[in-house]
């Protein structure tokens, strides 16, 4: 099976494509990449980073791929730096997703209930239009709020389910703990363990693992549970072993356990 991951490349600080490529490949899938931007580091905690927008190069890459007849079983989009890139991803889906293929959107917008720098309501509205074309979306609790205008997760899930068959809200904090909310013939939720603090790249680890699990045939509940376990163990190891968290999760040391659980569920 062949997967296309659309995201930025941050050369230092494990996130986006430097997470998606190894994690999805480790699941036994061919993972091709379409970079949206090239950064010296990611933007969370680093200063003085460089940024190169790859809009023009993305179009050249796609045109070349079309001459090769490439088609994908799953397309997964993450960080998109402009409304023009959102429109281009819609075109990529039309041109390269196999009939019956799966489209997964991680609608990267913000954290701590605020937009990331450079994003606003108009950008969120455009991202919502991309979500309407997806089979699965995986917003965090902030992004579910920015897309729907409500901090009530049940209400947000209901709104998102009207535009996407399988919305998933990750890291949802409630009075009785932390959960993944998801839609599967009605509202469902999975309790997840929580580690205090901010761990950059955790969402990318989760989303990449989720795509791999889906392509290996796991039903949504098992795919979410296996991916959440992997992410949790990577966070716990990072908490113990990585002094500066902005460099990303030490997920590599937990990938064997993830693959064992994945294979046990196939």
C-alpha atoms as a PDB file:
ATOM      1  CA  UNK A   1       0.000   0.000   0.000  1.00  0.00           C
ATOM      2  CA  UNK A   2       1.135   3.529  -0.757  1.00  0.00           C
ATOM      3  CA  UNK A   3       0.615   6.562   1.496  1.00  0.00           C
ATOM      4  CA  UNK A   4       1.236  10.232   0.727  1.00  0.00           C
ATOM      5  CA  UNK A   5       2.067  12.516   3.662  1.00  0.00           C
ATOM      6  CA  UNK A   6       1.672  16.260   3.051  1.00  0.00           C
ATOM      7  CA  UNK A   7       3.339  18.390   5.710  1.00  0.00           C
ATOM      8  CA  UNK A   8       6.312  20.653   6.363  1.00  0.00           C
ATOM      9  CA  UNK A   9       9.897  19.544   6.911  1.00  0.00           C
ATOM     10  CA  UNK A  10      11.421  20.931  10.092  1.00  0.00           C
ATOM     11  CA  UNK A  11      15.078  19.948   9.898  1.00  0.00           C
ATOM     12  CA  UNK A  12      15.533  19.999  13.691  1.00  0.00           C
ATOM     13  CA  UNK A  13      12.819  19.231  16.238  1.00  0.00           C
ATOM     14  CA  UNK A  14      11.008  15.976  15.498  1.00  0.00           C
ATOM     15  CA  UNK A  15       7.594  16.720  14.013  1.00  0.00           C
ATOM     16  CA  UNK A  16       5.628  16.775  10.745  1.00  0.00           C
ATOM     17  CA  UNK A  17       7.333  14.836   7.926  1.00  0.00           C
ATOM     18  CA  UNK A  18      10.370  13.795   9.959  1.00  0.00           C
ATOM     19  CA  UNK A  19       7.876  11.877  12.124  1.00  0.00           C
ATOM     20  CA  UNK A  20       5.357  10.791   9.473  1.00  0.00           C
ATOM     21  CA  UNK A  21       7.882   9.210   7.113  1.00  0.00           C
ATOM     22  CA  UNK A  22       9.559   6.850   9.623  1.00  0.00           C
ATOM     23  CA  UNK A  23       6.405   5.955  11.575  1.00  0.00           C
ATOM     24  CA  UNK A  24       4.245   5.181   8.531  1.00  0.00           C
ATOM     25  CA  UNK A  25       7.101   3.334   6.833  1.00  0.00           C
ATOM     26  CA  UNK A  26       7.661   1.225   9.959  1.00  0.00           C
ATOM     27  CA  UNK A  27       4.055   0.036   9.655  1.00  0.00           C
ATOM     28  CA  UNK A  28       5.094  -1.770   6.475  1.00  0.00           C
ATOM     29  CA  UNK A  29       3.758   0.838   4.054  1.00  0.00           C
ATOM     30  CA  UNK A  30       5.354   2.861   1.288  1.00  0.00           C
ATOM     31  CA  UNK A  31       5.287   6.503   2.396  1.00  0.00           C
ATOM     32  CA  UNK A  32       5.905   9.260  -0.122  1.00  0.00           C
ATOM     33  CA  UNK A  33       6.097  12.891   0.983  1.00  0.00           C
ATOM     34  CA  UNK A  34       4.999  16.260  -0.358  1.00  0.00           C
ATOM     35  CA  UNK A  35       6.712  19.050   1.647  1.00  0.00           C
ATOM     36  CA  UNK A  36       4.739  22.268   2.122  1.00  0.00           C
ATOM     37  CA  UNK A  37       7.631  24.272   3.606  1.00  0.00           C
ATOM     38  CA  UNK A  38      11.231  23.845   4.709  1.00  0.00           C
ATOM     39  CA  UNK A  39      12.247  25.140   8.151  1.00  0.00           C
ATOM     40  CA  UNK A  40      15.590  25.043   9.940  1.00  0.00           C
ATOM     41  CA  UNK A  41      13.661  24.130  13.108  1.00  0.00           C
ATOM     42  CA  UNK A  42      10.005  24.012  14.031  1.00  0.00           C
ATOM     43  CA  UNK A  43       8.510  27.201  15.464  1.00  0.00           C
ATOM     44  CA  UNK A  44       7.636  25.994  18.971  1.00  0.00           C
ATOM     45  CA  UNK A  45      10.321  27.228  21.317  1.00  0.00           C
ATOM     46  CA  UNK A  46      13.044  27.983  18.783  1.00  0.00           C
ATOM     47  CA  UNK A  47      13.907  31.515  17.676  1.00  0.00           C
ATOM     48  CA  UNK A  48      15.688  32.769  14.570  1.00  0.00           C
ATOM     49  CA  UNK A  49      14.487  29.849  12.465  1.00  0.00           C
ATOM     50  CA  UNK A  50      14.466  29.962   8.680  1.00  0.00           C
ATOM     51  CA  UNK A  51      11.329  29.337   6.610  1.00  0.00           C
ATOM     52  CA  UNK A  52      10.990  28.570   2.905  1.00  0.00           C
ATOM     53  CA  UNK A  53       7.536  28.289   1.369  1.00  0.00           C
ATOM     54  CA  UNK A  54       7.379  25.505  -1.229  1.00  0.00           C
ATOM     55  CA  UNK A  55       4.182  26.423  -3.108  1.00  0.00           C
ATOM     56  CA  UNK A  56       5.869  26.581  -6.508  1.00  0.00           C
ATOM     57  CA  UNK A  57       7.858  23.403  -5.983  1.00  0.00           C
ATOM     58  CA  UNK A  58       4.759  21.501  -4.813  1.00  0.00           C
ATOM     59  CA  UNK A  59       3.082  22.193  -8.154  1.00  0.00           C
ATOM     60  CA  UNK A  60       6.135  20.997 -10.097  1.00  0.00           C
ATOM     61  CA  UNK A  61       6.332  17.833  -7.995  1.00  0.00           C
ATOM     62  CA  UNK A  62       2.654  17.035  -8.539  1.00  0.00           C
ATOM     63  CA  UNK A  63       2.937  17.577 -12.293  1.00  0.00           C
ATOM     64  CA  UNK A  64       5.885  15.199 -12.455  1.00  0.00           C
ATOM     65  CA  UNK A  65       4.059  12.579 -10.391  1.00  0.00           C
ATOM     66  CA  UNK A  66       1.136  12.717 -12.800  1.00  0.00           C
ATOM     67  CA  UNK A  67       3.441  11.592 -15.620  1.00  0.00           C
ATOM     68  CA  UNK A  68       4.319   8.561 -13.442  1.00  0.00           C
ATOM     69  CA  UNK A  69       0.689   7.594 -12.930  1.00  0.00           C
ATOM     70  CA  UNK A  70       1.019   7.604  -9.148  1.00  0.00           C
ATOM     71  CA  UNK A  71      -2.043   6.827  -7.032  1.00  0.00           C
ATOM     72  CA  UNK A  72      -2.365   6.558  -3.260  1.00  0.00           C
ATOM     73  CA  UNK A  73      -4.344   4.324  -0.916  1.00  0.00           C
ATOM     74  CA  UNK A  74      -4.237   7.035   1.764  1.00  0.00           C
ATOM     75  CA  UNK A  75      -3.398  10.727   1.701  1.00  0.00           C
ATOM     76  CA  UNK A  76      -2.642  12.414   5.017  1.00  0.00           C
ATOM     77  CA  UNK A  77      -2.349  16.201   5.253  1.00  0.00           C
ATOM     78  CA  UNK A  78      -0.937  18.088   8.241  1.00  0.00           C
ATOM     79  CA  UNK A  79       0.483  21.602   8.554  1.00  0.00           C
ATOM     80  CA  UNK A  80      -0.558  23.878   5.683  1.00  0.00           C
ATOM     81  CA  UNK A  81       0.864  27.384   5.703  1.00  0.00           C
ATOM     82  CA  UNK A  82      -1.658  29.236   3.548  1.00  0.00           C
ATOM     83  CA  UNK A  83      -5.169  29.145   2.144  1.00  0.00           C
ATOM     84  CA  UNK A  84      -3.608  28.541  -1.280  1.00  0.00           C
ATOM     85  CA  UNK A  85      -1.999  25.352   0.045  1.00  0.00           C
ATOM     86  CA  UNK A  86      -5.347  24.172   1.380  1.00  0.00           C
ATOM     87  CA  UNK A  87      -6.835  24.598  -2.096  1.00  0.00           C
ATOM     88  CA  UNK A  88      -3.862  22.769  -3.588  1.00  0.00           C
ATOM     89  CA  UNK A  89      -4.326  19.791  -1.250  1.00  0.00           C
ATOM     90  CA  UNK A  90      -7.905  19.477  -2.496  1.00  0.00           C
ATOM     91  CA  UNK A  91      -6.459  19.248  -6.004  1.00  0.00           C
ATOM     92  CA  UNK A  92      -3.904  16.667  -4.867  1.00  0.00           C
ATOM     93  CA  UNK A  93      -6.709  14.535  -3.478  1.00  0.00           C
ATOM     94  CA  UNK A  94      -8.627  14.748  -6.744  1.00  0.00           C
ATOM     95  CA  UNK A  95      -5.599  13.840  -8.844  1.00  0.00           C
ATOM     96  CA  UNK A  96      -3.855  11.202  -6.753  1.00  0.00           C
ATOM     97  CA  UNK A  97      -6.196   9.433  -4.319  1.00  0.00           C
ATOM     98  CA  UNK A  98      -7.299   6.014  -5.533  1.00  0.00           C
ATOM     99  CA  UNK A  99     -10.999   5.344  -5.933  1.00  0.00           C
ATOM    100  CA  UNK A 100     -12.075   4.095  -2.519  1.00  0.00           C
ATOM    101  CA  UNK A 101      -8.911   5.516  -0.944  1.00  0.00           C
ATOM    102  CA  UNK A 102      -8.774   7.210   2.464  1.00  0.00           C
ATOM    103  CA  UNK A 103      -8.187  10.928   3.063  1.00  0.00           C
ATOM    104  CA  UNK A 104      -7.040  11.949   6.567  1.00  0.00           C
ATOM    105  CA  UNK A 105      -6.767  15.604   7.598  1.00  0.00           C
ATOM    106  CA  UNK A 106      -4.984  16.869  10.676  1.00  0.00           C
ATOM    107  CA  UNK A 107      -6.375  20.431  10.705  1.00  0.00           C
ATOM    108  CA  UNK A 108      -3.365  22.151  12.276  1.00  0.00           C
ATOM    109  CA  UNK A 109      -4.604  25.486  13.650  1.00  0.00           C
ATOM    110  CA  UNK A 110      -3.490  26.090  17.223  1.00  0.00           C
ATOM    111  CA  UNK A 111      -3.079  25.038  20.818  1.00  0.00           C
ATOM    112  CA  UNK A 112      -4.154  26.255  24.269  1.00  0.00           C
ATOM    113  CA  UNK A 113      -7.374  27.486  22.637  1.00  0.00           C
ATOM    114  CA  UNK A 114      -5.583  30.076  20.488  1.00  0.00           C
ATOM    115  CA  UNK A 115      -4.437  30.174  16.878  1.00  0.00           C
ATOM    116  CA  UNK A 116      -0.850  29.565  15.932  1.00  0.00           C
ATOM    117  CA  UNK A 117       0.916  32.658  14.597  1.00  0.00           C
ATOM    118  CA  UNK A 118      -0.316  33.551  11.112  1.00  0.00           C
ATOM    119  CA  UNK A 119      -3.664  31.753  11.388  1.00  0.00           C
ATOM    120  CA  UNK A 120      -7.089  33.320  11.944  1.00  0.00           C
ATOM    121  CA  UNK A 121     -10.824  32.678  11.605  1.00  0.00           C
ATOM    122  CA  UNK A 122     -10.724  32.981   7.814  1.00  0.00           C
ATOM    123  CA  UNK A 123      -7.977  30.344   7.687  1.00  0.00           C
ATOM    124  CA  UNK A 124      -9.995  28.072  10.007  1.00  0.00           C
ATOM    125  CA  UNK A 125     -13.016  28.417   7.710  1.00  0.00           C
ATOM    126  CA  UNK A 126     -10.874  27.369   4.759  1.00  0.00           C
ATOM    127  CA  UNK A 127      -9.504  24.433   6.751  1.00  0.00           C
ATOM    128  CA  UNK A 128     -13.076  23.427   7.567  1.00  0.00           C
ATOM    129  CA  UNK A 129     -13.759  23.213   3.829  1.00  0.00           C
ATOM    130  CA  UNK A 130     -10.846  20.757   3.529  1.00  0.00           C
ATOM    131  CA  UNK A 131     -12.239  18.731   6.423  1.00  0.00           C
ATOM    132  CA  UNK A 132     -15.454  18.346   4.429  1.00  0.00           C
ATOM    133  CA  UNK A 133     -13.526  16.305   1.881  1.00  0.00           C
ATOM    134  CA  UNK A 134     -11.907  14.018   4.480  1.00  0.00           C
ATOM    135  CA  UNK A 135     -12.831  10.542   5.652  1.00  0.00           C
ATOM    136  CA  UNK A 136     -11.111  11.130   8.994  1.00  0.00           C
ATOM    137  CA  UNK A 137     -10.091  14.341  10.768  1.00  0.00           C
ATOM    138  CA  UNK A 138      -7.947  14.425  13.915  1.00  0.00           C
ATOM    139  CA  UNK A 139      -8.152  17.889  15.536  1.00  0.00           C
ATOM    140  CA  UNK A 140      -6.885  18.395  19.063  1.00  0.00           C
ATOM    141  CA  UNK A 141      -9.222  19.970  21.617  1.00  0.00           C
ATOM    142  CA  UNK A 142      -8.161  23.486  20.582  1.00  0.00           C
ATOM    143  CA  UNK A 143      -8.677  22.828  16.890  1.00  0.00           C
ATOM    144  CA  UNK A 144     -12.104  21.290  17.481  1.00  0.00           C
ATOM    145  CA  UNK A 145     -13.027  24.544  19.234  1.00  0.00           C
ATOM    146  CA  UNK A 146     -11.561  26.749  16.493  1.00  0.00           C
ATOM    147  CA  UNK A 147     -13.457  24.761  13.847  1.00  0.00           C
ATOM    148  CA  UNK A 148     -16.812  24.615  15.633  1.00  0.00           C
ATOM    149  CA  UNK A 149     -16.889  27.509  18.112  1.00  0.00           C
ATOM    150  CA  UNK A 150     -17.718  25.284  21.084  1.00  0.00           C
ATOM    151  CA  UNK A 151     -15.622  23.835  23.909  1.00  0.00           C
ATOM    152  CA  UNK A 152     -18.253  21.168  24.576  1.00  0.00           C
ATOM    153  CA  UNK A 153     -16.707  18.070  23.009  1.00  0.00           C
ATOM    154  CA  UNK A 154     -19.988  16.257  22.414  1.00  0.00           C
ATOM    155  CA  UNK A 155     -21.408  19.295  20.650  1.00  0.00           C
ATOM    156  CA  UNK A 156     -18.192  19.789  18.682  1.00  0.00           C
ATOM    157  CA  UNK A 157     -18.164  16.137  17.622  1.00  0.00           C
ATOM    158  CA  UNK A 158     -21.776  16.395  16.498  1.00  0.00           C
ATOM    159  CA  UNK A 159     -20.968  19.438  14.367  1.00  0.00           C
ATOM    160  CA  UNK A 160     -17.878  17.830  12.873  1.00  0.00           C
ATOM    161  CA  UNK A 161     -19.800  14.619  12.124  1.00  0.00           C
ATOM    162  CA  UNK A 162     -22.051  16.607   9.808  1.00  0.00           C
ATOM    163  CA  UNK A 163     -19.101  17.378   7.534  1.00  0.00           C
ATOM    164  CA  UNK A 164     -16.869  14.299   7.968  1.00  0.00           C
ATOM    165  CA  UNK A 165     -17.819  10.628   8.482  1.00  0.00           C
ATOM    166  CA  UNK A 166     -15.196   9.990  11.169  1.00  0.00           C
ATOM    167  CA  UNK A 167     -14.158  13.015  13.234  1.00  0.00           C
ATOM    168  CA  UNK A 168     -11.707  12.357  16.071  1.00  0.00           C
ATOM    169  CA  UNK A 169     -10.965  14.867  18.847  1.00  0.00           C
ATOM    170  CA  UNK A 170      -7.691  14.094  20.591  1.00  0.00           C
ATOM    171  CA  UNK A 171      -6.553  15.012  24.102  1.00  0.00           C
ATOM    172  CA  UNK A 172      -9.972  16.191  25.247  1.00  0.00           C
ATOM    173  CA  UNK A 173      -9.841  17.247  28.897  1.00  0.00           C
ATOM    174  CA  UNK A 174     -13.054  16.766  30.863  1.00  0.00           C
ATOM    175  CA  UNK A 175     -13.987  16.795  34.538  1.00  0.00           C
ATOM    176  CA  UNK A 176     -13.546  13.022  34.703  1.00  0.00           C
ATOM    177  CA  UNK A 177     -10.258  12.717  32.847  1.00  0.00           C
ATOM    178  CA  UNK A 178      -8.765  12.823  29.373  1.00  0.00           C
ATOM    179  CA  UNK A 179     -10.370  11.185  26.355  1.00  0.00           C
ATOM    180  CA  UNK A 180     -10.327  10.708  22.629  1.00  0.00           C
ATOM    181  CA  UNK A 181     -13.789  11.490  21.283  1.00  0.00           C
ATOM    182  CA  UNK A 182     -14.702   9.921  17.964  1.00  0.00           C
ATOM    183  CA  UNK A 183     -17.666   9.170  15.745  1.00  0.00           C
ATOM    184  CA  UNK A 184     -18.514   5.567  14.863  1.00  0.00           C
ATOM    185  CA  UNK A 185     -22.249   5.086  14.506  1.00  0.00           C
ATOM    186  CA  UNK A 186     -22.710   7.618  17.277  1.00  0.00           C
ATOM    187  CA  UNK A 187     -20.470   9.315  19.809  1.00  0.00           C
ATOM    188  CA  UNK A 188     -17.733   7.176  21.318  1.00  0.00           C
ATOM    189  CA  UNK A 189     -14.819   7.999  23.590  1.00  0.00           C
ATOM    190  CA  UNK A 190     -11.672   6.262  24.778  1.00  0.00           C
ATOM    191  CA  UNK A 191     -10.038   7.162  28.107  1.00  0.00           C
ATOM    192  CA  UNK A 192      -6.351   7.993  27.756  1.00  0.00           C
ATOM    193  CA  UNK A 193      -3.602   8.513  30.358  1.00  0.00           C
ATOM    194  CA  UNK A 194      -2.242  12.014  30.773  1.00  0.00           C
ATOM    195  CA  UNK A 195       1.224  13.421  31.405  1.00  0.00           C
ATOM    196  CA  UNK A 196       1.460  17.055  32.507  1.00  0.00           C
ATOM    197  CA  UNK A 197       3.349  19.471  30.300  1.00  0.00           C
ATOM    198  CA  UNK A 198       3.781  20.268  26.623  1.00  0.00           C
ATOM    199  CA  UNK A 199       5.395  17.700  24.322  1.00  0.00           C
ATOM    200  CA  UNK A 200       6.067  19.039  20.862  1.00  0.00           C
ATOM    201  CA  UNK A 201       5.318  16.679  17.996  1.00  0.00           C
ATOM    202  CA  UNK A 202       3.031  14.376  19.989  1.00  0.00           C
ATOM    203  CA  UNK A 203       0.120  15.085  17.652  1.00  0.00           C
ATOM    204  CA  UNK A 204       2.235  14.153  14.630  1.00  0.00           C
ATOM    205  CA  UNK A 205       3.299  10.876  16.250  1.00  0.00           C
ATOM    206  CA  UNK A 206      -0.327  10.044  17.012  1.00  0.00           C
ATOM    207  CA  UNK A 207      -1.700  10.997  13.581  1.00  0.00           C
ATOM    208  CA  UNK A 208       1.060   9.147  11.711  1.00  0.00           C
ATOM    209  CA  UNK A 209       0.537   5.995  13.779  1.00  0.00           C
ATOM    210  CA  UNK A 210      -3.222   6.265  13.253  1.00  0.00           C
ATOM    211  CA  UNK A 211      -2.770   6.403   9.472  1.00  0.00           C
ATOM    212  CA  UNK A 212      -0.502   3.367   9.620  1.00  0.00           C
ATOM    213  CA  UNK A 213      -3.001   1.434  11.729  1.00  0.00           C
ATOM    214  CA  UNK A 214      -5.868   2.251   9.371  1.00  0.00           C
ATOM    215  CA  UNK A 215      -3.901   1.067   6.369  1.00  0.00           C
ATOM    216  CA  UNK A 216      -3.014  -2.178   8.135  1.00  0.00           C
ATOM    217  CA  UNK A 217      -6.738  -2.846   8.533  1.00  0.00           C
ATOM    218  CA  UNK A 218      -7.435  -1.962  12.160  1.00  0.00           C
ATOM    219  CA  UNK A 219     -10.975  -0.728  12.907  1.00  0.00           C
ATOM    220  CA  UNK A 220     -11.148   2.843  14.148  1.00  0.00           C
ATOM    221  CA  UNK A 221     -11.404   1.999  17.865  1.00  0.00           C
ATOM    222  CA  UNK A 222      -8.335  -0.256  17.810  1.00  0.00           C
ATOM    223  CA  UNK A 223      -6.425   2.151  15.545  1.00  0.00           C
ATOM    224  CA  UNK A 224      -7.037   4.977  18.013  1.00  0.00           C
ATOM    225  CA  UNK A 225      -6.186   2.880  21.059  1.00  0.00           C
ATOM    226  CA  UNK A 226      -2.937   1.477  19.610  1.00  0.00           C
ATOM    227  CA  UNK A 227      -1.855   4.932  18.399  1.00  0.00           C
ATOM    228  CA  UNK A 228      -2.664   6.536  21.761  1.00  0.00           C
ATOM    229  CA  UNK A 229      -0.658   3.871  23.615  1.00  0.00           C
ATOM    230  CA  UNK A 230       2.343   4.485  21.373  1.00  0.00           C
ATOM    231  CA  UNK A 231       2.114   8.233  21.891  1.00  0.00           C
ATOM    232  CA  UNK A 232       1.755   7.871  25.672  1.00  0.00           C
ATOM    233  CA  UNK A 233       4.789   5.612  26.031  1.00  0.00           C
ATOM    234  CA  UNK A 234       6.827   7.961  23.837  1.00  0.00           C
ATOM    235  CA  UNK A 235       5.800  10.907  26.022  1.00  0.00           C
ATOM    236  CA  UNK A 236       6.713   9.053  29.222  1.00  0.00           C
ATOM    237  CA  UNK A 237      10.131   8.137  27.834  1.00  0.00           C
ATOM    238  CA  UNK A 238      10.673  11.719  26.680  1.00  0.00           C
ATOM    239  CA  UNK A 239       9.719  13.029  30.117  1.00  0.00           C
ATOM    240  CA  UNK A 240      12.462  10.872  31.657  1.00  0.00           C
ATOM    241  CA  UNK A 241      15.177  11.085  29.010  1.00  0.00           C
ATOM    242  CA  UNK A 242      14.934  14.347  27.049  1.00  0.00           C
ATOM    243  CA  UNK A 243      16.036  17.477  28.962  1.00  0.00           C
ATOM    244  CA  UNK A 244      14.825  19.935  26.290  1.00  0.00           C
ATOM    245  CA  UNK A 245      11.385  18.927  25.061  1.00  0.00           C
ATOM    246  CA  UNK A 246      11.342  21.265  22.095  1.00  0.00           C
ATOM    247  CA  UNK A 247      13.537  18.731  20.289  1.00  0.00           C
ATOM    248  CA  UNK A 248      10.592  16.339  20.117  1.00  0.00           C
ATOM    249  CA  UNK A 249       9.511  12.943  21.399  1.00  0.00           C
ATOM    250  CA  UNK A 250      11.894  10.036  21.824  1.00  0.00           C
ATOM    251  CA  UNK A 251       9.389   7.920  19.911  1.00  0.00           C
ATOM    252  CA  UNK A 252      12.077   5.831  18.204  1.00  0.00           C
ATOM    253  CA  UNK A 253      12.738   3.862  21.401  1.00  0.00           C
ATOM    254  CA  UNK A 254       9.030   2.970  21.658  1.00  0.00           C
ATOM    255  CA  UNK A 255       8.384   2.055  18.051  1.00  0.00           C
ATOM    256  CA  UNK A 256       9.118  -1.651  18.547  1.00  0.00           C
ATOM    257  CA  UNK A 257       6.397  -1.910  21.191  1.00  0.00           C
ATOM    258  CA  UNK A 258       3.999  -0.048  18.926  1.00  0.00           C
ATOM    259  CA  UNK A 259       4.675  -2.425  16.033  1.00  0.00           C
ATOM    260  CA  UNK A 260       4.222  -5.480  18.274  1.00  0.00           C
ATOM    261  CA  UNK A 261       0.814  -4.177  19.366  1.00  0.00           C
ATOM    262  CA  UNK A 262      -0.089  -3.327  15.789  1.00  0.00           C
ATOM    263  CA  UNK A 263       0.819  -6.811  14.539  1.00  0.00           C
ATOM    264  CA  UNK A 264      -1.114  -8.396  17.400  1.00  0.00           C
ATOM    265  CA  UNK A 265      -4.257  -6.589  16.268  1.00  0.00           C
ATOM    266  CA  UNK A 266      -3.997  -7.183  12.521  1.00  0.00           C
END
